[in-house]
Amino acid sequence: MQYKAFYLLPRSSYRPNMHSDTIWGAICWGMRMLYGERRLQDFLESYETGQTVGAAQPLAISSAFPYIEKDGEPEQHYLPRPLLLDAYYDDQKEGLKSYIKDKGAEGFEKGKLEARRRKLLKPTPFIELEDLKQGNWSAKGTFSIKPKVQNSPMTHNTIDRLTGSTLTSNNRGQLFHTDERYVYPDPQVDMEREKQRQYKAGIYFLAHPDSDIGTLEAIMRLLEQFGIGGDRSSGKGRFDIKIRDLEIQEHDAPNARMNLSLYHPTEAELIAYDAAPKNSPLQYKTTVRQGWKAASLKKPLLYFQEGSVFPMPDDKGIAGTNTDAGEHEEGHRITQYGIGLMINLNVPTS
């Protein structure tokens, strides 16, 4: 399937981890800025009806994943490694423990060699797109430069708004820390510095081809100027944005789907997963999301994480649903994004 890919090349560090709900929230803000509040209300309503409302239609996007570009064009893409691999590695490790036990203490070194032979290292969270297409889910990748996302805590002072100086309490300055993220190319082999300069690293997200791509492009151009996430007024979250088509070849005879976004299932989808046969390809991790609304927290919501794998349903349409996350202080309801953008896989079940 051909997706529309939005490439975000950082001009600075950025605060939030760019999950699908964070990107979608920024898109909603941009839609209101560009087209007005009525258009945004129609956009939110279109998720409930599944159809175009006014000039707005539903949008399905992924979370953001790292990529490498060379000489200004995307060169290598990364996607989540299927979580089925975690269960596979756990089984293999149990087998390795038995192997070492059978060999006795003198067989420990042989056991370590066997572990290396089986490549029983914990897999990295991302996989090169080509390896995913070919089913080489345990591959470490062959590209000579990989993107590295680094999370660094930054120290800040709390400012006294009356005096403009650092706030003092108990004769001490008040410090706090926030996480900032940087993404940069990380060479896997020795490489001349001049050659390294040809490469840059960034993050990208996908939009389903049935989405209103024209509106999304306009909004992303606005966000390119304003930034995404916290501390935008101090220059954080600024990106140069490129928009390209990206073809992802999916399996012709799939029996499973892998999630590329934070996914909040419908009740019917949960019932179907619970009723799936025991040998079905079903492996997932969950996470709780609870953002801020003005001075208080939103309602906590549970999601399936990116890389979770689910059996192929009878209805192969868009999965998941948006959810009510409470009421804002200004009186309107808060909508949290939960649509699951999926790609098809064929998972061995024997």
Protein backbone atom coordinates (compact mmCIF):
# COMPACT_ATOMS: atom_id res chain seq x y z
CA MET A 1 0.00 0.00 0.00
CA GLN A 2 1.20 3.50 -0.77
CA TYR A 3 1.14 5.79 2.26
CA LYS A 4 1.86 9.48 2.51
CA ALA A 5 4.99 9.94 4.65
CA PHE A 6 5.65 13.17 6.57
CA TYR A 7 9.35 13.56 7.38
CA LEU A 8 10.28 15.76 10.34
CA LEU A 9 13.95 16.77 10.35
CA PRO A 10 14.65 18.43 13.72
CA ARG A 11 16.10 21.93 13.83
CA SER A 12 16.22 21.70 17.63
CA SER A 13 15.51 19.25 20.41
CA TYR A 14 11.87 18.36 20.99
CA ARG A 15 9.98 17.63 24.19
CA PRO A 16 7.33 14.93 23.68
CA ASN A 17 7.82 11.42 22.40
CA MET A 18 5.96 11.73 19.08
CA HIS A 19 3.23 9.16 19.55
CA SER A 20 0.19 9.26 17.29
CA ASP A 21 -2.02 11.00 19.88
CA THR A 22 0.54 13.79 20.32
CA ILE A 23 0.80 14.37 16.55
CA TRP A 24 -2.99 14.21 16.18
CA GLY A 25 -3.44 16.78 18.96
CA ALA A 26 -1.06 19.15 17.17
CA ILE A 27 -3.01 18.58 13.93
CA CYS A 28 -6.27 19.51 15.69
CA TRP A 29 -4.67 22.72 16.98
CA GLY A 30 -3.43 23.55 13.49
CA MET A 31 -6.85 22.81 11.95
CA ARG A 32 -8.51 25.27 14.32
CA MET A 33 -5.88 27.90 13.52
CA LEU A 34 -6.22 27.47 9.73
CA TYR A 35 -9.88 26.64 9.21
CA GLY A 36 -11.72 27.71 12.37
CA GLU A 37 -13.50 25.97 15.24
CA ARG A 38 -16.46 24.78 13.14
CA ARG A 39 -14.13 22.77 10.89
CA LEU A 40 -12.49 21.20 13.94
CA GLN A 41 -15.88 20.23 15.40
CA ASP A 42 -16.83 18.61 12.07
CA PHE A 43 -13.48 16.79 12.06
CA LEU A 44 -14.08 15.31 15.52
CA GLU A 45 -17.64 14.34 14.59
CA SER A 46 -16.42 12.57 11.43
CA TYR A 47 -14.75 9.91 13.62
CA GLU A 48 -18.11 9.12 15.22
CA THR A 49 -19.93 8.78 11.90
CA GLY A 50 -17.03 7.33 9.89
CA GLN A 51 -17.98 9.69 7.07
CA THR A 52 -17.21 13.18 5.82
CA VAL A 53 -18.91 15.88 7.92
CA GLY A 54 -19.02 19.24 6.20
CA ALA A 55 -15.57 19.59 4.64
CA ALA A 56 -13.87 17.33 7.21
CA GLN A 57 -13.16 13.60 7.08
CA PRO A 58 -11.44 11.18 9.49
CA LEU A 59 -7.66 10.95 9.49
CA ALA A 60 -5.61 7.84 10.31
CA ILE A 61 -1.94 8.37 11.19
CA SER A 62 0.91 6.42 12.76
CA SER A 63 3.29 7.39 15.52
CA ALA A 64 6.65 8.83 14.45
CA PHE A 65 9.61 6.52 13.82
CA PRO A 66 13.25 7.28 12.97
CA TYR A 67 14.67 7.49 9.47
CA ILE A 68 17.97 8.32 7.76
CA GLU A 69 18.28 10.70 4.85
CA LYS A 70 21.21 11.11 2.46
CA ASP A 71 21.86 14.27 0.47
CA GLY A 72 18.47 15.64 1.44
CA GLU A 73 16.31 12.63 0.52
CA PRO A 74 14.96 9.78 2.73
CA GLU A 75 17.28 6.78 2.44
CA GLN A 76 16.36 4.25 5.15
CA HIS A 77 13.12 3.85 7.11
CA TYR A 78 12.53 2.12 10.43
CA LEU A 79 9.33 0.68 11.88
CA PRO A 80 8.55 -1.04 15.21
CA ARG A 81 9.90 -4.54 15.52
CA PRO A 82 6.93 -6.95 15.89
CA LEU A 83 6.39 -7.75 19.57
CA LEU A 84 5.95 -11.44 18.75
CA LEU A 85 9.71 -11.51 18.79
CA ASP A 86 9.76 -10.90 22.55
CA ALA A 87 7.92 -14.16 23.22
CA TYR A 88 10.20 -15.97 20.77
CA TYR A 89 13.29 -14.71 22.54
CA ASP A 90 11.90 -15.64 25.97
CA ASP A 91 11.33 -19.22 24.78
CA GLN A 92 14.82 -19.36 23.30
CA LYS A 93 16.39 -18.08 26.51
CA GLU A 94 14.64 -20.78 28.54
CA GLY A 95 16.05 -23.35 26.11
CA LEU A 96 19.51 -21.84 26.53
CA LYS A 97 19.29 -22.10 30.35
CA SER A 98 18.53 -25.81 29.98
CA TYR A 99 21.44 -26.16 27.57
CA ILE A 100 23.86 -24.63 30.08
CA LYS A 101 22.43 -26.68 32.97
CA ASP A 102 22.88 -29.92 31.03
CA LYS A 103 26.50 -29.05 30.24
CA GLY A 104 27.31 -28.20 33.85
CA ALA A 105 29.52 -25.40 35.15
CA GLU A 106 32.29 -26.18 32.66
CA GLY A 107 29.80 -25.64 29.87
CA PHE A 108 29.07 -22.03 30.79
CA GLU A 109 31.51 -20.59 28.26
CA LYS A 110 30.11 -22.90 25.60
CA GLY A 111 26.68 -21.66 26.60
CA LYS A 112 27.71 -18.06 26.03
CA LEU A 113 29.06 -18.98 22.61
CA GLU A 114 25.78 -20.73 21.86
CA ALA A 115 23.91 -17.57 22.90
CA ARG A 116 25.95 -15.53 20.47
CA ARG A 117 25.39 -18.11 17.76
CA ARG A 118 21.65 -17.89 18.26
CA LYS A 119 21.88 -14.08 18.45
CA LEU A 120 19.99 -14.12 21.71
CA LEU A 121 20.58 -10.47 22.43
CA LYS A 122 17.56 -8.37 23.27
CA PRO A 123 16.32 -7.01 19.93
CA THR A 124 16.30 -3.28 19.28
CA PRO A 125 12.84 -1.67 19.20
CA PHE A 126 13.07 -0.74 15.50
CA ILE A 127 13.60 -2.75 12.36
CA GLU A 128 14.64 -1.66 8.89
CA LEU A 129 11.71 -1.50 6.51
CA GLU A 130 13.30 -3.99 4.08
CA ASP A 131 13.78 -6.57 6.86
CA LEU A 132 10.14 -6.19 7.90
CA LYS A 133 8.97 -6.71 4.29
CA GLN A 134 11.07 -9.89 3.96
CA GLY A 135 10.05 -11.32 7.35
CA ASN A 136 13.58 -11.04 8.81
CA TRP A 137 12.22 -9.80 12.11
CA SER A 138 15.27 -10.75 14.18
CA ALA A 139 17.69 -8.99 11.80
CA LYS A 140 19.84 -6.20 13.16
CA GLY A 141 19.91 -4.40 9.82
CA THR A 142 22.65 -3.85 7.32
CA PHE A 143 22.63 -0.08 6.85
CA SER A 144 25.96 1.53 7.77
CA ILE A 145 24.38 4.45 9.62
CA LYS A 146 21.43 4.15 11.99
CA PRO A 147 19.32 6.88 13.61
CA LYS A 148 19.78 7.26 17.34
CA VAL A 149 17.16 8.96 19.50
CA GLN A 150 18.67 10.28 22.72
CA ASN A 151 16.59 11.35 25.68
CA SER A 152 18.39 13.94 27.86
CA PRO A 153 17.08 15.55 31.08
CA MET A 154 17.42 19.34 31.07
CA THR A 155 17.55 21.41 34.26
CA HIS A 156 15.40 24.57 34.54
CA ASN A 157 14.79 27.29 37.13
CA THR A 158 11.33 28.16 38.38
CA ILE A 159 10.76 31.88 37.77
CA ASP A 160 9.07 34.22 40.25
CA ARG A 161 6.57 36.02 38.00
CA LEU A 162 6.42 39.05 40.32
CA THR A 163 10.14 39.77 40.35
CA GLY A 164 11.29 38.09 37.14
CA SER A 165 14.10 36.35 39.04
CA THR A 166 14.54 32.74 40.17
CA LEU A 167 11.87 31.67 42.66
CA THR A 168 13.25 31.06 46.15
CA SER A 169 11.64 28.78 48.71
CA ASN A 170 13.24 27.78 52.03
CA ASN A 171 16.27 29.88 51.01
CA ARG A 172 16.80 27.69 47.96
CA GLY A 173 16.26 28.08 44.26
CA GLN A 174 13.56 25.87 42.79
CA LEU A 175 14.86 23.56 40.06
CA PHE A 176 12.96 21.12 37.87
CA HIS A 177 13.85 18.82 35.00
CA THR A 178 12.24 18.08 31.65
CA ASP A 179 13.15 15.47 29.04
CA GLU A 180 14.35 16.67 25.65
CA ARG A 181 14.95 14.41 22.67
CA TYR A 182 17.63 14.56 20.02
CA VAL A 183 17.92 12.38 16.93
CA TYR A 184 21.17 12.05 15.01
CA PRO A 185 22.93 9.62 12.62
CA ASP A 186 25.01 6.99 14.41
CA PRO A 187 27.65 5.28 12.16
CA GLN A 188 27.89 1.51 12.64
CA VAL A 189 31.25 1.30 10.86
CA ASP A 190 34.32 3.49 10.59
CA MET A 191 33.45 6.32 8.23
CA GLU A 192 35.22 9.48 7.13
CA ARG A 193 33.76 12.64 8.60
CA GLU A 194 33.14 14.10 5.17
CA LYS A 195 31.03 11.08 4.25
CA GLN A 196 29.14 11.25 7.55
CA ARG A 197 28.01 14.77 6.68
CA GLN A 198 25.98 13.37 3.78
CA TYR A 199 23.61 11.77 6.30
CA LYS A 200 21.03 13.25 8.63
CA ALA A 201 18.51 11.61 10.94
CA GLY A 202 14.93 12.54 11.72
CA ILE A 203 11.51 11.09 12.46
CA TYR A 204 8.56 10.44 10.16
CA PHE A 205 4.93 9.39 10.43
CA LEU A 206 2.52 7.81 7.97
CA ALA A 207 -0.96 8.85 6.90
CA HIS A 208 -3.45 6.38 5.45
CA PRO A 209 -4.06 7.10 1.74
CA ASP A 210 -7.82 7.42 2.32
CA SER A 211 -7.22 10.42 4.58
CA ASP A 212 -7.63 14.06 3.51
CA ILE A 213 -3.97 14.46 2.54
CA GLY A 214 -4.39 17.99 1.14
CA THR A 215 -5.70 19.36 4.43
CA LEU A 216 -3.03 17.47 6.38
CA GLU A 217 -0.26 18.92 4.21
CA ALA A 218 -1.52 22.46 4.81
CA ILE A 219 -1.66 21.89 8.58
CA MET A 220 1.84 20.40 8.67
CA ARG A 221 3.20 23.45 6.82
CA LEU A 222 1.68 25.60 9.56
CA LEU A 223 3.21 23.42 12.29
CA GLU A 224 6.56 23.68 10.51
CA GLN A 225 6.46 27.40 11.41
CA PHE A 226 4.98 27.12 14.91
CA GLY A 227 6.57 23.89 16.15
CA ILE A 228 5.17 20.78 17.86
CA GLY A 229 5.11 20.05 21.59
CA GLY A 230 6.22 21.96 24.66
CA ASP A 231 8.57 24.97 24.92
CA ARG A 232 7.87 26.07 21.35
CA SER A 233 8.25 29.71 22.42
CA SER A 234 11.91 28.97 23.26
CA GLY A 235 12.60 27.23 19.94
CA LYS A 236 11.89 23.60 20.84
CA GLY A 237 9.99 21.23 18.58
CA ARG A 238 10.98 22.92 15.31
CA PHE A 239 11.24 20.72 12.21
CA ASP A 240 11.90 21.01 8.51
CA ILE A 241 9.12 18.97 6.91
CA LYS A 242 9.23 16.94 3.70
CA ILE A 243 6.24 15.07 2.26
CA ARG A 244 6.74 12.02 0.06
CA ASP A 245 4.90 8.87 -1.06
CA LEU A 246 6.11 5.69 0.64
CA GLU A 247 5.24 2.23 -0.66
CA ILE A 248 5.05 -0.49 2.00
CA GLN A 249 4.70 -3.94 0.47
CA GLU A 250 2.45 -6.00 2.71
CA HIS A 251 2.06 -9.79 2.67
CA ASP A 252 -0.28 -11.23 0.04
CA ALA A 253 -1.71 -13.84 2.46
CA PRO A 254 -1.70 -12.14 5.86
CA ASN A 255 -2.89 -13.76 9.07
CA ALA A 256 -2.02 -10.87 11.40
CA ARG A 257 -1.75 -7.09 11.62
CA MET A 258 0.89 -4.98 13.37
CA ASN A 259 -0.05 -1.69 14.97
CA LEU A 260 1.88 1.50 14.03
CA SER A 261 0.13 3.85 16.43
CA LEU A 262 -1.24 3.99 19.95
CA TYR A 263 -4.38 1.91 19.56
CA HIS A 264 -7.52 2.08 21.72
CA PRO A 265 -9.74 -0.84 20.61
CA THR A 266 -13.50 -0.89 20.39
CA GLU A 267 -15.43 -3.26 22.65
CA ALA A 268 -16.17 -5.53 19.66
CA GLU A 269 -12.46 -5.74 18.82
CA LEU A 270 -11.59 -6.72 22.40
CA ILE A 271 -14.23 -9.46 22.34
CA ALA A 272 -12.79 -10.78 19.07
CA TYR A 273 -9.22 -10.85 20.45
CA ASP A 274 -10.42 -12.63 23.59
CA ALA A 275 -12.17 -15.27 21.47
CA ALA A 276 -9.20 -15.86 19.14
CA PRO A 277 -7.73 -19.40 19.09
CA LYS A 278 -4.72 -20.01 21.35
CA ASN A 279 -2.32 -20.38 18.44
CA SER A 280 -3.39 -17.05 16.94
CA PRO A 281 -0.65 -14.42 16.45
CA LEU A 282 -1.50 -12.19 19.40
CA GLN A 283 1.23 -10.39 21.32
CA TYR A 284 0.96 -6.91 22.73
CA LYS A 285 2.11 -4.39 25.29
CA THR A 286 -0.06 -1.71 26.85
CA THR A 287 0.62 1.80 28.07
CA VAL A 288 -1.40 4.39 29.99
CA ARG A 289 -1.66 7.91 28.57
CA GLN A 290 -2.72 10.80 30.78
CA GLY A 291 -1.97 14.30 29.57
CA TRP A 292 -2.68 17.71 31.04
CA LYS A 293 -5.72 19.92 30.52
CA ALA A 294 -4.85 23.43 31.70
CA ALA A 295 -4.04 22.95 35.42
CA SER A 296 -5.30 19.39 35.91
CA LEU A 297 -4.83 15.92 34.44
CA LYS A 298 -7.00 14.27 31.80
CA LYS A 299 -8.66 10.93 32.40
CA PRO A 300 -6.10 8.09 32.10
CA LEU A 301 -6.60 5.85 29.05
CA LEU A 302 -5.13 2.44 28.22
CA TYR A 303 -3.62 1.80 24.77
CA PHE A 304 -1.93 -0.99 22.86
CA GLN A 305 1.62 0.08 22.05
CA GLU A 306 3.21 0.33 18.63
CA GLY A 307 4.50 -3.03 17.38
CA SER A 308 1.67 -5.01 18.98
CA VAL A 309 0.48 -7.87 16.76
CA PHE A 310 -3.16 -8.98 16.41
CA PRO A 311 -4.99 -11.73 14.48
CA MET A 312 -6.40 -10.69 11.12
CA PRO A 313 -10.06 -9.72 11.70
CA ASP A 314 -13.00 -10.40 9.41
CA ASP A 315 -13.46 -6.65 9.03
CA LYS A 316 -10.13 -5.46 7.61
CA GLY A 317 -10.95 -1.75 7.87
CA ILE A 318 -9.49 0.90 10.17
CA ALA A 319 -9.23 -0.35 13.76
CA GLY A 320 -9.75 1.45 17.05
CA THR A 321 -11.74 4.42 18.26
CA ASN A 322 -11.28 7.88 19.67
CA THR A 323 -12.15 8.25 23.35
CA ASP A 324 -13.56 10.88 25.67
CA ALA A 325 -10.80 12.01 28.05
CA GLY A 326 -12.85 14.26 30.31
CA GLU A 327 -14.07 17.83 30.25
CA HIS A 328 -11.95 20.93 29.77
CA GLU A 329 -12.18 23.85 32.21
CA GLU A 330 -13.80 25.88 29.41
CA GLY A 331 -16.67 23.40 29.23
CA HIS A 332 -16.01 21.38 26.06
CA ARG A 333 -15.28 17.65 25.92
CA ILE A 334 -11.72 16.40 25.32
CA THR A 335 -11.18 13.80 22.59
CA GLN A 336 -8.17 11.47 22.72
CA TYR A 337 -6.94 9.83 19.51
CA GLY A 338 -7.01 6.01 19.48
CA ILE A 339 -7.19 4.86 15.84
CA GLY A 340 -4.85 1.95 15.08
CA LEU A 341 -3.00 2.26 11.76
CA MET A 342 -2.12 -1.34 10.87
CA ILE A 343 0.06 -3.15 8.33
CA ASN A 344 -0.48 -6.77 7.31
CA LEU A 345 1.93 -9.57 8.31
CA ASN A 346 2.14 -13.32 7.92
CA VAL A 347 3.19 -14.87 11.23
CA PRO A 348 4.13 -18.58 11.49
CA THR A 349 1.75 -20.24 13.97
CA SER A 350 3.40 -23.65 14.28
